[in-house]
N, C-alpha and C. Protein backbone atom coordinates (compact mmCIF):
# COMPACT_ATOMS: atom_id res chain seq x y z
N MET A 1 30.26 -3.48 -13.14
CA MET A 1 29.43 -3.66 -14.32
C MET A 1 28.58 -2.41 -14.53
N ALA A 2 28.08 -2.24 -15.73
CA ALA A 2 27.24 -1.09 -16.04
C ALA A 2 25.93 -1.18 -15.26
N GLU A 3 25.38 -0.01 -14.94
CA GLU A 3 24.11 0.02 -14.22
C GLU A 3 23.02 -0.57 -15.11
N GLN A 4 22.14 -1.34 -14.50
CA GLN A 4 21.04 -1.94 -15.22
C GLN A 4 19.75 -1.62 -14.47
N SER A 5 18.73 -1.30 -15.17
CA SER A 5 17.52 -0.81 -14.55
C SER A 5 16.55 -1.93 -14.22
N PHE A 6 15.58 -1.59 -13.39
CA PHE A 6 14.52 -2.55 -13.08
C PHE A 6 13.71 -2.89 -14.32
N ARG A 7 13.57 -1.94 -15.21
CA ARG A 7 12.85 -2.21 -16.46
C ARG A 7 13.60 -3.27 -17.27
N GLU A 8 14.92 -3.14 -17.32
CA GLU A 8 15.73 -4.13 -18.04
C GLU A 8 15.64 -5.50 -17.37
N LEU A 9 15.67 -5.50 -16.04
CA LEU A 9 15.56 -6.76 -15.32
C LEU A 9 14.19 -7.40 -15.55
N ALA A 10 13.14 -6.59 -15.57
CA ALA A 10 11.79 -7.11 -15.83
C ALA A 10 11.72 -7.73 -17.22
N THR A 11 12.32 -7.08 -18.20
CA THR A 11 12.34 -7.62 -19.56
C THR A 11 13.08 -8.95 -19.59
N PHE A 12 14.19 -8.99 -18.88
CA PHE A 12 14.97 -10.23 -18.79
C PHE A 12 14.13 -11.36 -18.18
N VAL A 13 13.43 -11.06 -17.08
CA VAL A 13 12.61 -12.07 -16.40
C VAL A 13 11.51 -12.59 -17.32
N ARG A 14 10.87 -11.70 -18.06
CA ARG A 14 9.79 -12.12 -18.96
C ARG A 14 10.28 -13.07 -20.04
N GLY A 15 11.56 -13.00 -20.35
CA GLY A 15 12.13 -13.88 -21.36
C GLY A 15 12.55 -15.24 -20.82
N LEU A 16 12.42 -15.44 -19.51
CA LEU A 16 12.81 -16.70 -18.90
C LEU A 16 11.62 -17.66 -18.82
N LYS A 17 11.93 -18.91 -18.65
CA LYS A 17 10.91 -19.96 -18.61
C LYS A 17 10.18 -19.98 -17.26
N PRO A 18 8.85 -20.07 -17.26
CA PRO A 18 8.12 -20.28 -16.01
C PRO A 18 8.49 -21.65 -15.43
N ARG A 19 8.61 -21.72 -14.13
CA ARG A 19 8.98 -22.99 -13.49
C ARG A 19 7.99 -23.43 -12.42
N LEU A 20 7.12 -22.51 -12.00
CA LEU A 20 6.06 -22.86 -11.05
C LEU A 20 4.76 -22.88 -11.85
N GLY A 21 4.48 -24.01 -12.47
CA GLY A 21 3.36 -24.05 -13.40
C GLY A 21 3.62 -23.08 -14.53
N ARG A 22 2.67 -22.16 -14.76
CA ARG A 22 2.83 -21.15 -15.81
C ARG A 22 3.32 -19.81 -15.25
N THR A 23 3.72 -19.81 -13.98
CA THR A 23 4.15 -18.59 -13.31
C THR A 23 5.66 -18.52 -13.16
N ARG A 24 6.20 -17.35 -13.43
CA ARG A 24 7.62 -17.09 -13.17
C ARG A 24 7.73 -16.63 -11.72
N LEU A 25 8.21 -17.48 -10.85
CA LEU A 25 8.35 -17.15 -9.43
C LEU A 25 9.74 -16.55 -9.20
N ILE A 26 9.76 -15.32 -8.69
CA ILE A 26 11.02 -14.63 -8.40
C ILE A 26 11.15 -14.52 -6.88
N ALA A 27 12.21 -15.07 -6.33
CA ALA A 27 12.44 -14.99 -4.89
C ALA A 27 13.42 -13.86 -4.59
N VAL A 28 13.06 -13.01 -3.63
CA VAL A 28 13.95 -11.94 -3.16
C VAL A 28 14.28 -12.27 -1.71
N ASP A 29 15.47 -12.79 -1.49
CA ASP A 29 15.89 -13.30 -0.20
C ASP A 29 17.01 -12.42 0.35
N GLY A 30 17.39 -12.69 1.59
CA GLY A 30 18.48 -11.97 2.23
C GLY A 30 18.17 -11.71 3.69
N PRO A 31 19.14 -11.27 4.46
CA PRO A 31 18.93 -11.05 5.89
C PRO A 31 18.05 -9.85 6.19
N SER A 32 17.54 -9.78 7.43
CA SER A 32 16.67 -8.70 7.85
C SER A 32 17.39 -7.35 7.75
N GLY A 33 16.67 -6.35 7.24
CA GLY A 33 17.22 -5.01 7.14
C GLY A 33 18.12 -4.79 5.94
N ALA A 34 18.21 -5.78 5.05
CA ALA A 34 19.12 -5.65 3.91
C ALA A 34 18.56 -4.78 2.80
N GLY A 35 17.23 -4.65 2.75
CA GLY A 35 16.60 -3.87 1.68
C GLY A 35 15.78 -4.71 0.72
N LYS A 36 15.39 -5.91 1.16
CA LYS A 36 14.62 -6.83 0.30
C LYS A 36 13.30 -6.23 -0.15
N THR A 37 12.55 -5.65 0.79
CA THR A 37 11.22 -5.16 0.47
C THR A 37 11.29 -4.01 -0.53
N ARG A 38 12.21 -3.10 -0.32
CA ARG A 38 12.37 -1.96 -1.23
C ARG A 38 12.72 -2.44 -2.64
N PHE A 39 13.65 -3.39 -2.73
CA PHE A 39 14.02 -3.93 -4.03
C PHE A 39 12.84 -4.65 -4.67
N ALA A 40 12.14 -5.49 -3.88
CA ALA A 40 11.01 -6.25 -4.41
C ALA A 40 9.90 -5.33 -4.89
N ASP A 41 9.65 -4.25 -4.15
CA ASP A 41 8.61 -3.29 -4.55
C ASP A 41 8.93 -2.70 -5.93
N GLN A 42 10.18 -2.35 -6.14
CA GLN A 42 10.56 -1.72 -7.42
C GLN A 42 10.53 -2.73 -8.57
N LEU A 43 10.94 -3.95 -8.32
CA LEU A 43 10.89 -4.96 -9.37
C LEU A 43 9.44 -5.34 -9.68
N ALA A 44 8.61 -5.44 -8.64
CA ALA A 44 7.19 -5.76 -8.86
C ALA A 44 6.50 -4.67 -9.66
N ALA A 45 6.87 -3.41 -9.41
CA ALA A 45 6.29 -2.31 -10.17
C ALA A 45 6.69 -2.42 -11.65
N ALA A 46 7.94 -2.78 -11.90
CA ALA A 46 8.40 -2.93 -13.28
C ALA A 46 7.74 -4.10 -13.98
N LEU A 47 7.45 -5.14 -13.22
CA LEU A 47 6.80 -6.33 -13.79
C LEU A 47 5.27 -6.24 -13.74
N ALA A 48 4.75 -5.28 -12.98
CA ALA A 48 3.30 -5.17 -12.74
C ALA A 48 2.77 -6.50 -12.22
N CYS A 49 3.41 -7.01 -11.17
CA CYS A 49 3.04 -8.31 -10.63
C CYS A 49 2.88 -8.24 -9.12
N PRO A 50 2.18 -9.22 -8.53
CA PRO A 50 1.98 -9.22 -7.08
C PRO A 50 3.21 -9.67 -6.31
N ILE A 51 3.23 -9.30 -5.02
CA ILE A 51 4.28 -9.74 -4.09
C ILE A 51 3.64 -10.51 -2.94
N VAL A 52 4.26 -11.62 -2.58
CA VAL A 52 3.89 -12.35 -1.37
C VAL A 52 5.05 -12.16 -0.39
N HIS A 53 4.74 -11.59 0.79
CA HIS A 53 5.77 -11.37 1.81
C HIS A 53 5.74 -12.54 2.80
N THR A 54 6.86 -13.20 2.97
CA THR A 54 6.87 -14.36 3.87
C THR A 54 6.52 -13.98 5.30
N ASP A 55 6.82 -12.74 5.71
CA ASP A 55 6.47 -12.29 7.07
C ASP A 55 4.97 -12.40 7.34
N ASP A 56 4.16 -12.33 6.28
CA ASP A 56 2.71 -12.41 6.44
C ASP A 56 2.24 -13.83 6.75
N LEU A 57 3.14 -14.80 6.58
CA LEU A 57 2.76 -16.20 6.79
C LEU A 57 3.45 -16.83 7.99
N LEU A 58 4.29 -16.03 8.68
CA LEU A 58 4.93 -16.53 9.89
C LEU A 58 3.96 -16.45 11.07
N ASN A 59 3.96 -17.49 11.86
CA ASN A 59 3.13 -17.50 13.07
C ASN A 59 3.97 -16.97 14.24
N GLY A 60 4.36 -15.68 14.13
CA GLY A 60 5.16 -15.06 15.17
C GLY A 60 6.65 -15.28 15.00
N TRP A 61 7.39 -14.76 15.96
CA TRP A 61 8.86 -14.79 15.92
C TRP A 61 9.44 -16.20 15.83
N ASP A 62 8.81 -17.15 16.48
CA ASP A 62 9.39 -18.49 16.56
C ASP A 62 9.12 -19.34 15.32
N ASP A 63 8.43 -18.76 14.33
CA ASP A 63 8.10 -19.48 13.10
C ASP A 63 9.00 -19.02 11.95
N GLN A 64 10.20 -18.64 12.29
CA GLN A 64 11.11 -18.00 11.33
C GLN A 64 11.36 -18.83 10.07
N PHE A 65 11.51 -20.14 10.23
CA PHE A 65 11.80 -21.00 9.08
C PHE A 65 10.82 -22.16 8.94
N THR A 66 9.94 -22.34 9.90
CA THR A 66 9.03 -23.49 9.90
C THR A 66 7.68 -23.18 9.28
N PHE A 67 7.55 -21.97 8.71
CA PHE A 67 6.28 -21.55 8.10
C PHE A 67 6.09 -22.12 6.71
N TRP A 68 7.10 -22.80 6.16
CA TRP A 68 7.09 -23.14 4.74
C TRP A 68 5.91 -24.01 4.33
N THR A 69 5.48 -24.91 5.21
CA THR A 69 4.31 -25.75 4.88
C THR A 69 3.08 -24.88 4.64
N ARG A 70 2.92 -23.84 5.45
CA ARG A 70 1.80 -22.91 5.28
C ARG A 70 1.90 -22.19 3.93
N LEU A 71 3.10 -21.74 3.59
CA LEU A 71 3.32 -21.07 2.31
C LEU A 71 3.03 -22.01 1.15
N GLU A 72 3.48 -23.23 1.27
CA GLU A 72 3.25 -24.22 0.21
C GLU A 72 1.76 -24.48 0.01
N GLU A 73 1.04 -24.72 1.10
CA GLU A 73 -0.38 -25.05 1.00
C GLU A 73 -1.23 -23.88 0.56
N LYS A 74 -0.96 -22.69 1.11
CA LYS A 74 -1.82 -21.53 0.86
C LYS A 74 -1.48 -20.80 -0.43
N VAL A 75 -0.20 -20.83 -0.83
CA VAL A 75 0.23 -20.00 -1.95
C VAL A 75 0.82 -20.80 -3.11
N LEU A 76 1.88 -21.53 -2.86
CA LEU A 76 2.60 -22.16 -3.95
C LEU A 76 1.80 -23.25 -4.65
N ALA A 77 1.13 -24.10 -3.88
CA ALA A 77 0.36 -25.19 -4.50
C ALA A 77 -0.72 -24.68 -5.44
N PRO A 78 -1.56 -23.72 -5.03
CA PRO A 78 -2.56 -23.19 -5.97
C PRO A 78 -1.93 -22.55 -7.21
N LEU A 79 -0.88 -21.73 -7.02
CA LEU A 79 -0.25 -21.08 -8.17
C LEU A 79 0.33 -22.11 -9.13
N ARG A 80 0.89 -23.16 -8.58
CA ARG A 80 1.46 -24.23 -9.40
C ARG A 80 0.42 -24.84 -10.33
N GLU A 81 -0.83 -24.88 -9.85
CA GLU A 81 -1.94 -25.44 -10.64
C GLU A 81 -2.66 -24.39 -11.47
N GLY A 82 -2.15 -23.16 -11.45
CA GLY A 82 -2.78 -22.10 -12.22
C GLY A 82 -4.01 -21.52 -11.55
N GLU A 83 -4.16 -21.78 -10.26
CA GLU A 83 -5.32 -21.31 -9.49
C GLU A 83 -4.93 -20.12 -8.61
N PRO A 84 -5.89 -19.26 -8.28
CA PRO A 84 -5.57 -18.16 -7.35
C PRO A 84 -5.28 -18.68 -5.95
N ALA A 85 -4.38 -18.00 -5.27
CA ALA A 85 -4.01 -18.34 -3.89
C ALA A 85 -4.61 -17.30 -2.96
N THR A 86 -5.16 -17.74 -1.84
CA THR A 86 -5.72 -16.82 -0.85
C THR A 86 -5.21 -17.17 0.53
N TYR A 87 -4.80 -16.16 1.28
CA TYR A 87 -4.33 -16.38 2.64
C TYR A 87 -4.64 -15.17 3.50
N ARG A 88 -4.69 -15.38 4.80
CA ARG A 88 -4.85 -14.28 5.75
C ARG A 88 -3.49 -13.95 6.35
N PRO A 89 -3.02 -12.72 6.21
CA PRO A 89 -1.73 -12.34 6.78
C PRO A 89 -1.75 -12.39 8.30
N TYR A 90 -0.60 -12.69 8.86
CA TYR A 90 -0.43 -12.69 10.30
C TYR A 90 -0.52 -11.26 10.83
N ASN A 91 -1.27 -11.08 11.91
CA ASN A 91 -1.38 -9.79 12.57
C ASN A 91 -0.37 -9.77 13.72
N TRP A 92 0.72 -9.00 13.54
CA TRP A 92 1.81 -9.01 14.51
C TRP A 92 1.44 -8.30 15.81
N VAL A 93 0.39 -7.53 15.80
CA VAL A 93 -0.07 -6.86 17.01
C VAL A 93 -0.94 -7.82 17.83
N LYS A 94 -1.91 -8.45 17.16
CA LYS A 94 -2.83 -9.36 17.83
C LYS A 94 -2.23 -10.75 18.05
N GLY A 95 -1.24 -11.10 17.24
CA GLY A 95 -0.62 -12.41 17.38
C GLY A 95 -1.45 -13.54 16.79
N ASP A 96 -2.17 -13.25 15.70
CA ASP A 96 -2.96 -14.30 15.04
C ASP A 96 -3.11 -13.98 13.56
N PHE A 97 -3.70 -14.91 12.82
CA PHE A 97 -3.90 -14.72 11.39
C PHE A 97 -5.26 -14.07 11.13
N SER A 98 -5.37 -12.82 11.52
CA SER A 98 -6.64 -12.11 11.41
C SER A 98 -6.57 -10.97 10.40
N GLY A 99 -5.51 -10.95 9.60
CA GLY A 99 -5.38 -9.90 8.60
C GLY A 99 -6.43 -10.04 7.50
N THR A 100 -6.63 -8.98 6.76
CA THR A 100 -7.57 -9.00 5.63
C THR A 100 -7.09 -10.01 4.59
N PRO A 101 -7.96 -10.91 4.13
CA PRO A 101 -7.55 -11.93 3.16
C PRO A 101 -6.90 -11.32 1.92
N VAL A 102 -5.83 -11.96 1.47
CA VAL A 102 -5.09 -11.54 0.28
C VAL A 102 -5.25 -12.62 -0.78
N THR A 103 -5.61 -12.22 -1.98
CA THR A 103 -5.70 -13.15 -3.09
C THR A 103 -4.61 -12.83 -4.11
N VAL A 104 -3.87 -13.85 -4.49
CA VAL A 104 -2.80 -13.72 -5.47
C VAL A 104 -3.15 -14.59 -6.67
N HIS A 105 -3.33 -13.98 -7.80
CA HIS A 105 -3.66 -14.74 -9.00
C HIS A 105 -2.41 -15.34 -9.63
N ALA A 106 -2.59 -16.40 -10.37
CA ALA A 106 -1.48 -17.07 -11.03
C ALA A 106 -1.03 -16.22 -12.22
N ALA A 107 -0.37 -15.14 -11.91
CA ALA A 107 0.06 -14.17 -12.93
C ALA A 107 1.28 -14.69 -13.68
N GLU A 108 1.65 -13.92 -14.70
CA GLU A 108 2.85 -14.25 -15.47
C GLU A 108 4.07 -14.31 -14.56
N ALA A 109 4.10 -13.41 -13.57
CA ALA A 109 5.20 -13.38 -12.60
C ALA A 109 4.63 -13.08 -11.22
N VAL A 110 5.23 -13.68 -10.20
CA VAL A 110 4.88 -13.43 -8.80
C VAL A 110 6.19 -13.33 -8.02
N LEU A 111 6.30 -12.30 -7.16
CA LEU A 111 7.48 -12.15 -6.32
C LEU A 111 7.22 -12.76 -4.95
N LEU A 112 8.19 -13.49 -4.45
CA LEU A 112 8.16 -14.03 -3.09
C LEU A 112 9.31 -13.36 -2.35
N GLU A 113 8.96 -12.52 -1.36
CA GLU A 113 9.97 -11.71 -0.67
C GLU A 113 10.04 -12.08 0.80
N GLY A 114 11.26 -12.30 1.29
CA GLY A 114 11.45 -12.55 2.70
C GLY A 114 12.59 -13.51 2.97
N VAL A 115 12.97 -13.58 4.24
CA VAL A 115 14.05 -14.47 4.65
C VAL A 115 13.68 -15.91 4.33
N SER A 116 14.53 -16.58 3.61
CA SER A 116 14.42 -17.98 3.17
C SER A 116 13.54 -18.16 1.95
N ALA A 117 13.16 -17.07 1.27
CA ALA A 117 12.31 -17.17 0.08
C ALA A 117 12.97 -17.98 -1.04
N ALA A 118 14.30 -17.96 -1.09
CA ALA A 118 15.03 -18.69 -2.14
C ALA A 118 15.66 -19.97 -1.61
N ARG A 119 15.07 -20.52 -0.57
CA ARG A 119 15.66 -21.71 0.06
C ARG A 119 15.75 -22.89 -0.91
N ARG A 120 16.56 -23.85 -0.56
CA ARG A 120 16.88 -25.00 -1.40
C ARG A 120 15.62 -25.71 -1.90
N ASP A 121 14.60 -25.84 -1.05
CA ASP A 121 13.40 -26.59 -1.42
C ASP A 121 12.69 -26.03 -2.65
N ILE A 122 12.76 -24.72 -2.85
CA ILE A 122 12.00 -24.09 -3.95
C ILE A 122 12.87 -23.77 -5.16
N ARG A 123 14.17 -23.92 -5.05
CA ARG A 123 15.06 -23.51 -6.15
C ARG A 123 14.69 -24.07 -7.51
N PRO A 124 14.31 -25.37 -7.63
CA PRO A 124 13.99 -25.88 -8.96
C PRO A 124 12.80 -25.18 -9.62
N GLU A 125 11.96 -24.50 -8.82
CA GLU A 125 10.78 -23.85 -9.38
C GLU A 125 10.93 -22.33 -9.48
N LEU A 126 12.10 -21.83 -9.15
CA LEU A 126 12.34 -20.39 -9.25
C LEU A 126 12.81 -20.02 -10.66
N THR A 127 12.22 -18.99 -11.19
CA THR A 127 12.71 -18.42 -12.44
C THR A 127 13.92 -17.55 -12.17
N LEU A 128 13.91 -16.85 -11.03
CA LEU A 128 15.05 -16.00 -10.67
C LEU A 128 15.17 -15.97 -9.15
N ALA A 129 16.40 -16.15 -8.67
CA ALA A 129 16.68 -16.05 -7.24
C ALA A 129 17.58 -14.84 -7.01
N VAL A 130 17.08 -13.90 -6.18
CA VAL A 130 17.81 -12.68 -5.87
C VAL A 130 18.21 -12.71 -4.40
N PHE A 131 19.43 -12.33 -4.11
CA PHE A 131 19.90 -12.25 -2.72
C PHE A 131 20.35 -10.82 -2.45
N VAL A 132 19.66 -10.16 -1.50
CA VAL A 132 19.96 -8.78 -1.15
C VAL A 132 20.74 -8.77 0.17
N ASP A 133 21.85 -8.04 0.19
CA ASP A 133 22.65 -7.98 1.42
C ASP A 133 23.12 -6.55 1.66
N ALA A 134 23.55 -6.29 2.88
CA ALA A 134 24.07 -4.99 3.29
C ALA A 134 24.92 -5.22 4.54
N PRO A 135 25.78 -4.27 4.89
CA PRO A 135 26.62 -4.43 6.09
C PRO A 135 25.78 -4.66 7.34
N ALA A 136 26.30 -5.47 8.26
CA ALA A 136 25.55 -5.87 9.45
C ALA A 136 25.08 -4.68 10.29
N GLY A 137 25.95 -3.68 10.46
CA GLY A 137 25.57 -2.52 11.27
C GLY A 137 24.41 -1.75 10.66
N LEU A 138 24.44 -1.56 9.37
CA LEU A 138 23.37 -0.86 8.68
C LEU A 138 22.07 -1.65 8.77
N ARG A 139 22.15 -2.95 8.63
CA ARG A 139 20.95 -3.80 8.72
C ARG A 139 20.33 -3.70 10.11
N TRP A 140 21.16 -3.67 11.13
CA TRP A 140 20.66 -3.54 12.51
C TRP A 140 19.94 -2.21 12.70
N GLU A 141 20.56 -1.13 12.25
CA GLU A 141 19.95 0.20 12.37
C GLU A 141 18.62 0.27 11.64
N ARG A 142 18.56 -0.30 10.45
CA ARG A 142 17.32 -0.29 9.68
C ARG A 142 16.21 -1.08 10.37
N ALA A 143 16.55 -2.22 10.94
CA ALA A 143 15.54 -3.04 11.60
C ALA A 143 14.96 -2.33 12.82
N ILE A 144 15.83 -1.67 13.59
CA ILE A 144 15.36 -0.92 14.76
C ILE A 144 14.45 0.23 14.32
N ALA A 145 14.88 0.97 13.29
CA ALA A 145 14.10 2.11 12.80
C ALA A 145 12.78 1.65 12.19
N ARG A 146 12.81 0.58 11.44
CA ARG A 146 11.61 0.07 10.77
C ARG A 146 10.54 -0.34 11.76
N ASP A 147 10.95 -1.07 12.78
CA ASP A 147 9.98 -1.61 13.73
C ASP A 147 9.71 -0.66 14.89
N GLY A 148 10.48 0.44 14.97
CA GLY A 148 10.24 1.45 16.00
C GLY A 148 10.34 0.92 17.41
N ASP A 149 11.24 -0.03 17.61
CA ASP A 149 11.35 -0.67 18.93
C ASP A 149 12.81 -0.80 19.30
N ASP A 150 13.24 0.00 20.25
CA ASP A 150 14.63 -0.04 20.69
C ASP A 150 14.74 -0.56 22.12
N THR A 151 13.76 -1.37 22.51
CA THR A 151 13.77 -1.93 23.86
C THR A 151 14.76 -3.09 23.95
N LEU A 152 15.15 -3.41 25.16
CA LEU A 152 16.07 -4.53 25.38
C LEU A 152 15.44 -5.83 24.89
N ALA A 153 14.15 -6.01 25.15
CA ALA A 153 13.47 -7.24 24.73
C ALA A 153 13.51 -7.40 23.22
N TYR A 154 13.24 -6.31 22.50
CA TYR A 154 13.26 -6.39 21.04
C TYR A 154 14.67 -6.68 20.53
N ARG A 155 15.66 -6.04 21.14
CA ARG A 155 17.04 -6.27 20.71
C ARG A 155 17.43 -7.74 20.90
N LYS A 156 16.92 -8.36 21.95
CA LYS A 156 17.20 -9.79 22.16
C LYS A 156 16.55 -10.63 21.08
N TYR A 157 15.27 -10.30 20.77
CA TYR A 157 14.58 -11.00 19.69
C TYR A 157 15.34 -10.85 18.37
N LEU A 158 15.72 -9.61 18.07
CA LEU A 158 16.39 -9.34 16.81
C LEU A 158 17.75 -10.04 16.75
N GLY A 159 18.47 -10.04 17.85
CA GLY A 159 19.75 -10.73 17.89
C GLY A 159 19.59 -12.22 17.65
N ARG A 160 18.58 -12.81 18.26
CA ARG A 160 18.32 -14.24 18.06
C ARG A 160 17.91 -14.52 16.62
N TRP A 161 17.09 -13.64 16.06
CA TRP A 161 16.61 -13.77 14.68
C TRP A 161 17.79 -13.74 13.71
N ARG A 162 18.67 -12.77 13.92
CA ARG A 162 19.82 -12.60 13.02
C ARG A 162 20.79 -13.78 13.11
N ALA A 163 20.98 -14.30 14.31
CA ALA A 163 21.86 -15.46 14.46
C ALA A 163 21.29 -16.66 13.71
N ALA A 164 19.97 -16.84 13.79
CA ALA A 164 19.31 -17.94 13.08
C ALA A 164 19.42 -17.75 11.56
N GLU A 165 19.29 -16.49 11.11
CA GLU A 165 19.46 -16.20 9.68
C GLU A 165 20.85 -16.63 9.22
N ASP A 166 21.86 -16.24 9.97
CA ASP A 166 23.24 -16.55 9.60
C ASP A 166 23.42 -18.06 9.46
N ARG A 167 22.89 -18.81 10.41
CA ARG A 167 23.01 -20.28 10.35
C ARG A 167 22.29 -20.83 9.13
N HIS A 168 21.08 -20.30 8.88
CA HIS A 168 20.30 -20.78 7.73
C HIS A 168 21.02 -20.51 6.41
N PHE A 169 21.47 -19.27 6.22
CA PHE A 169 22.09 -18.93 4.94
C PHE A 169 23.37 -19.71 4.71
N ALA A 170 24.12 -19.99 5.79
CA ALA A 170 25.34 -20.78 5.65
C ALA A 170 25.03 -22.22 5.26
N ALA A 171 24.04 -22.83 5.92
CA ALA A 171 23.69 -24.21 5.62
C ALA A 171 23.01 -24.35 4.26
N ASP A 172 22.19 -23.39 3.92
CA ASP A 172 21.42 -23.43 2.67
C ASP A 172 22.24 -22.97 1.47
N GLU A 173 23.32 -22.26 1.71
CA GLU A 173 24.17 -21.70 0.64
C GLU A 173 23.33 -20.85 -0.31
N THR A 174 22.45 -20.03 0.27
CA THR A 174 21.49 -19.25 -0.51
C THR A 174 22.18 -18.28 -1.46
N ALA A 175 23.11 -17.49 -0.95
CA ALA A 175 23.78 -16.50 -1.79
C ALA A 175 24.57 -17.16 -2.92
N GLU A 176 25.18 -18.30 -2.61
CA GLU A 176 25.99 -18.99 -3.61
C GLU A 176 25.14 -19.47 -4.79
N HIS A 177 23.86 -19.74 -4.55
CA HIS A 177 22.99 -20.24 -5.60
C HIS A 177 22.10 -19.16 -6.22
N ALA A 178 22.28 -17.92 -5.78
CA ALA A 178 21.45 -16.83 -6.32
C ALA A 178 21.87 -16.49 -7.74
N ASP A 179 20.89 -16.07 -8.54
CA ASP A 179 21.17 -15.61 -9.90
C ASP A 179 21.64 -14.17 -9.91
N LEU A 180 21.24 -13.42 -8.87
CA LEU A 180 21.56 -12.00 -8.81
C LEU A 180 21.86 -11.61 -7.37
N ILE A 181 23.02 -11.02 -7.14
CA ILE A 181 23.40 -10.51 -5.83
C ILE A 181 23.20 -9.00 -5.85
N VAL A 182 22.47 -8.48 -4.87
CA VAL A 182 22.10 -7.07 -4.85
C VAL A 182 22.75 -6.37 -3.66
N ASP A 183 23.29 -5.18 -3.92
CA ASP A 183 23.85 -4.34 -2.87
C ASP A 183 22.72 -3.52 -2.26
N GLY A 184 22.19 -3.97 -1.13
CA GLY A 184 21.08 -3.29 -0.49
C GLY A 184 21.48 -2.05 0.28
N ALA A 185 22.77 -1.74 0.33
CA ALA A 185 23.21 -0.55 1.05
C ALA A 185 22.97 0.72 0.26
N THR A 186 22.87 0.59 -1.06
CA THR A 186 22.68 1.78 -1.89
C THR A 186 21.28 2.33 -1.74
N GLN A 187 21.13 3.62 -1.90
CA GLN A 187 19.81 4.25 -1.89
C GLN A 187 19.41 4.69 -3.29
N ALA A 188 20.25 4.37 -4.28
CA ALA A 188 19.95 4.76 -5.66
C ALA A 188 18.84 3.89 -6.23
N ALA A 189 18.05 4.47 -7.11
CA ALA A 189 16.97 3.72 -7.74
C ALA A 189 17.51 2.67 -8.69
N GLU A 190 18.66 2.94 -9.27
CA GLU A 190 19.30 1.99 -10.19
C GLU A 190 20.72 1.70 -9.69
N GLY A 191 21.39 0.81 -10.35
CA GLY A 191 22.77 0.54 -10.02
C GLY A 191 22.96 -0.30 -8.77
N TYR A 192 21.90 -1.00 -8.36
CA TYR A 192 22.00 -1.91 -7.23
C TYR A 192 22.96 -3.08 -7.49
N PHE A 193 23.07 -3.50 -8.71
CA PHE A 193 23.42 -4.87 -9.03
C PHE A 193 24.92 -5.12 -9.04
N SER A 194 25.36 -6.09 -8.25
CA SER A 194 26.78 -6.42 -8.18
C SER A 194 27.11 -7.76 -8.83
N LYS A 195 26.10 -8.48 -9.27
CA LYS A 195 26.32 -9.73 -10.00
C LYS A 195 25.29 -9.78 -11.11
N GLY A 196 25.74 -9.80 -12.34
CA GLY A 196 24.82 -9.77 -13.47
C GLY A 196 23.92 -10.98 -13.53
N TRP A 197 22.76 -10.81 -14.13
CA TRP A 197 21.82 -11.92 -14.23
C TRP A 197 22.11 -12.75 -15.46
N ALA A 198 22.08 -14.06 -15.27
CA ALA A 198 22.28 -15.02 -16.35
C ALA A 198 21.73 -16.35 -15.90
N ARG A 199 21.22 -17.12 -16.82
CA ARG A 199 20.66 -18.43 -16.44
C ARG A 199 21.03 -19.46 -17.45
């Protein structure tokens, strides 16, 4: 398909119906190291909207998929009512929720970025579901480089994390229900898109 820009995608999103109260919630999902954050950053810039990173709401490695109640209470419920959401990000060094408080206003659009962001539970309230993927080897290399940890212990954590992701995405059928499939292997600013957007 022809290359389509983030500006065009932002225009498309603005034309869609809000489903989380008056907010257009866009989920950017996909496995670790696929390029979700980079894609979300560029789309958020085009939309001039805030991003909520699910990693900020995980209570450590073992909270990979069980953090959703925290996300619902701290972020989604207030936004649904048109109220600002405030939460303290998890501090991965200290191992607690001691990060500087983040406030997210019920804007026209809000991005939710992270593994399981487009899960089945939230699909009815998503304006757009994006799934970013890349080859497994590249994703592994990116995760090691990003976190700066090539120890055996980290590799075990990452291996366990990735196996859990695979099980989740298969059971949840996340990619199959996405509105847009993104090629996270590309480094180009445009031309990411391998499945056109339509709703």
